[in-house]
Amino acid sequence: MGRRIEARRKEAGLTQAGLALAIGVDQTTVSRWEGGLVPIDTDDLEKLSKVLQARGGWLVDASGAAPAPFVRVAHDRPSARSKPVKRKRA
């Protein structure tokens, strides 16, 4: 399980801290999941599968088909490289 979580997290471009923040757990929890040191509860597995775009069964024991390549979702906040939008005053 841990190797699949780690591989999918990296494919998503997330750090352990970033993944932890996205699902509402501590970074050490993500580290322990990836190291196979602690089991993952059902609620966290559901959140993890949504963020990593992979079925829970595949993350836990590789059952079912492997997930499709990760699709990054655009965020509403501008990136550091984006230019500010000039708005006309009314």
C-alpha atoms as a PDB file:
ATOM      1  CA  MET A   1       0.000   0.000   0.000  1.00  0.00           C
ATOM      2  CA  GLY A   2       2.687   2.471   0.984  1.00  0.00           C
ATOM      3  CA  ARG A   3       4.568   2.276  -2.298  1.00  0.00           C
ATOM      4  CA  ARG A   4       1.389   2.875  -4.300  1.00  0.00           C
ATOM      5  CA  ILE A   5       0.442   5.882  -2.163  1.00  0.00           C
ATOM      6  CA  GLU A   6       3.935   7.334  -2.473  1.00  0.00           C
ATOM      7  CA  ALA A   7       4.123   6.774  -6.232  1.00  0.00           C
ATOM      8  CA  ARG A   8       0.702   8.309  -6.832  1.00  0.00           C
ATOM      9  CA  ARG A   9       1.494  11.258  -4.527  1.00  0.00           C
ATOM     10  CA  LYS A  10       4.681  11.982  -6.465  1.00  0.00           C
ATOM     11  CA  GLU A  11       2.859  11.638  -9.781  1.00  0.00           C
ATOM     12  CA  ALA A  12       0.406  14.251  -8.477  1.00  0.00           C
ATOM     13  CA  GLY A  13       3.324  16.549  -7.665  1.00  0.00           C
ATOM     14  CA  LEU A  14       2.540  16.587  -3.945  1.00  0.00           C
ATOM     15  CA  THR A  15       4.832  16.471  -0.959  1.00  0.00           C
ATOM     16  CA  GLN A  16       3.845  14.441   2.076  1.00  0.00           C
ATOM     17  CA  ALA A  17       2.938  17.717   3.786  1.00  0.00           C
ATOM     18  CA  GLY A  18       0.851  18.823   0.804  1.00  0.00           C
ATOM     19  CA  LEU A  19      -1.054  15.541   0.700  1.00  0.00           C
ATOM     20  CA  ALA A  20      -1.571  15.679   4.457  1.00  0.00           C
ATOM     21  CA  LEU A  21      -3.017  19.172   4.173  1.00  0.00           C
ATOM     22  CA  ALA A  22      -5.312  18.129   1.328  1.00  0.00           C
ATOM     23  CA  ILE A  23      -6.878  15.295   3.316  1.00  0.00           C
ATOM     24  CA  GLY A  24      -6.710  16.788   6.807  1.00  0.00           C
ATOM     25  CA  VAL A  25      -4.093  14.635   8.531  1.00  0.00           C
ATOM     26  CA  ASP A  26      -0.604  15.228   9.873  1.00  0.00           C
ATOM     27  CA  GLN A  27       2.441  14.800   7.605  1.00  0.00           C
ATOM     28  CA  THR A  28       3.769  12.067   9.890  1.00  0.00           C
ATOM     29  CA  THR A  29       0.575  10.083   9.251  1.00  0.00           C
ATOM     30  CA  VAL A  30       1.235  10.166   5.496  1.00  0.00           C
ATOM     31  CA  SER A  31       4.828   9.125   6.158  1.00  0.00           C
ATOM     32  CA  ARG A  32       3.659   6.194   8.287  1.00  0.00           C
ATOM     33  CA  TRP A  33       1.154   5.081   5.610  1.00  0.00           C
ATOM     34  CA  GLU A  34       3.874   5.187   2.979  1.00  0.00           C
ATOM     35  CA  GLY A  35       6.222   3.261   5.252  1.00  0.00           C
ATOM     36  CA  GLY A  36       3.564   0.643   5.977  1.00  0.00           C
ATOM     37  CA  LEU A  37       3.741   1.389   9.689  1.00  0.00           C
ATOM     38  CA  VAL A  38       0.070   2.137  10.339  1.00  0.00           C
ATOM     39  CA  PRO A  39      -3.179   1.116   8.653  1.00  0.00           C
ATOM     40  CA  ILE A  40      -5.398   3.697   7.025  1.00  0.00           C
ATOM     41  CA  ASP A  41      -8.965   4.152   8.230  1.00  0.00           C
ATOM     42  CA  THR A  42     -11.934   4.136   5.869  1.00  0.00           C
ATOM     43  CA  ASP A  43     -12.616   7.884   6.003  1.00  0.00           C
ATOM     44  CA  ASP A  44      -9.001   8.791   5.266  1.00  0.00           C
ATOM     45  CA  LEU A  45      -8.835   6.191   2.490  1.00  0.00           C
ATOM     46  CA  GLU A  46     -11.865   7.777   0.833  1.00  0.00           C
ATOM     47  CA  LYS A  47     -10.269  11.254   0.984  1.00  0.00           C
ATOM     48  CA  LEU A  48      -6.932   9.876  -0.194  1.00  0.00           C
ATOM     49  CA  SER A  49      -8.495   8.118  -3.166  1.00  0.00           C
ATOM     50  CA  LYS A  50     -10.189  11.347  -4.270  1.00  0.00           C
ATOM     51  CA  VAL A  51      -7.045  13.456  -3.986  1.00  0.00           C
ATOM     52  CA  LEU A  52      -4.844  10.847  -5.663  1.00  0.00           C
ATOM     53  CA  GLN A  53      -7.485   9.963  -8.278  1.00  0.00           C
ATOM     54  CA  ALA A  54      -7.186   6.248  -7.564  1.00  0.00           C
ATOM     55  CA  ARG A  55      -9.624   3.678  -6.217  1.00  0.00           C
ATOM     56  CA  GLY A  56      -9.210   2.773  -2.573  1.00  0.00           C
ATOM     57  CA  GLY A  57      -8.921  -0.941  -3.340  1.00  0.00           C
ATOM     58  CA  TRP A  58      -6.023  -0.300  -5.689  1.00  0.00           C
ATOM     59  CA  LEU A  59      -4.251   1.887  -3.132  1.00  0.00           C
ATOM     60  CA  VAL A  60      -4.633  -0.732  -0.396  1.00  0.00           C
ATOM     61  CA  ASP A  61      -3.889  -3.994  -2.192  1.00  0.00           C
ATOM     62  CA  ALA A  62      -3.632  -3.301  -5.941  1.00  0.00           C
ATOM     63  CA  SER A  63      -7.044  -4.885  -6.544  1.00  0.00           C
ATOM     64  CA  GLY A  64      -8.808  -3.741  -9.668  1.00  0.00           C
ATOM     65  CA  ALA A  65      -7.379  -1.809 -12.566  1.00  0.00           C
ATOM     66  CA  ALA A  66      -4.494   0.587 -12.103  1.00  0.00           C
ATOM     67  CA  PRO A  67      -5.563   4.230 -12.149  1.00  0.00           C
ATOM     68  CA  ALA A  68      -5.372   6.373 -15.259  1.00  0.00           C
ATOM     69  CA  PRO A  69      -2.527   8.892 -15.485  1.00  0.00           C
ATOM     70  CA  PHE A  70      -2.967  11.688 -12.971  1.00  0.00           C
ATOM     71  CA  VAL A  71      -4.889  14.731 -14.186  1.00  0.00           C
ATOM     72  CA  ARG A  72      -3.952  17.983 -12.503  1.00  0.00           C
ATOM     73  CA  VAL A  73      -6.873  20.219 -11.692  1.00  0.00           C
ATOM     74  CA  ALA A  74      -6.484  23.964 -12.215  1.00  0.00           C
ATOM     75  CA  HIS A  75      -6.945  26.042  -9.090  1.00  0.00           C
ATOM     76  CA  ASP A  76      -8.789  29.329  -8.805  1.00  0.00           C
ATOM     77  CA  ARG A  77      -5.816  31.104  -7.318  1.00  0.00           C
ATOM     78  CA  PRO A  78      -3.300  32.615  -9.721  1.00  0.00           C
ATOM     79  CA  SER A  79       0.154  31.149  -9.950  1.00  0.00           C
ATOM     80  CA  ALA A  80       3.269  33.167  -9.211  1.00  0.00           C
ATOM     81  CA  ARG A  81       3.908  33.431 -12.959  1.00  0.00           C
ATOM     82  CA  SER A  82       0.487  34.672 -13.987  1.00  0.00           C
ATOM     83  CA  LYS A  83       0.013  38.307 -14.830  1.00  0.00           C
ATOM     84  CA  PRO A  84      -2.599  40.320 -12.985  1.00  0.00           C
ATOM     85  CA  VAL A  85      -5.779  40.998 -14.880  1.00  0.00           C
ATOM     86  CA  LYS A  86      -6.366  44.647 -15.639  1.00  0.00           C
ATOM     87  CA  ARG A  87      -9.947  45.624 -14.990  1.00  0.00           C
ATOM     88  CA  LYS A  88     -11.690  48.633 -16.422  1.00  0.00           C
ATOM     89  CA  ARG A  89     -13.211  50.982 -13.942  1.00  0.00           C
ATOM     90  CA  ALA A  90     -16.907  51.603 -14.338  1.00  0.00           C
END
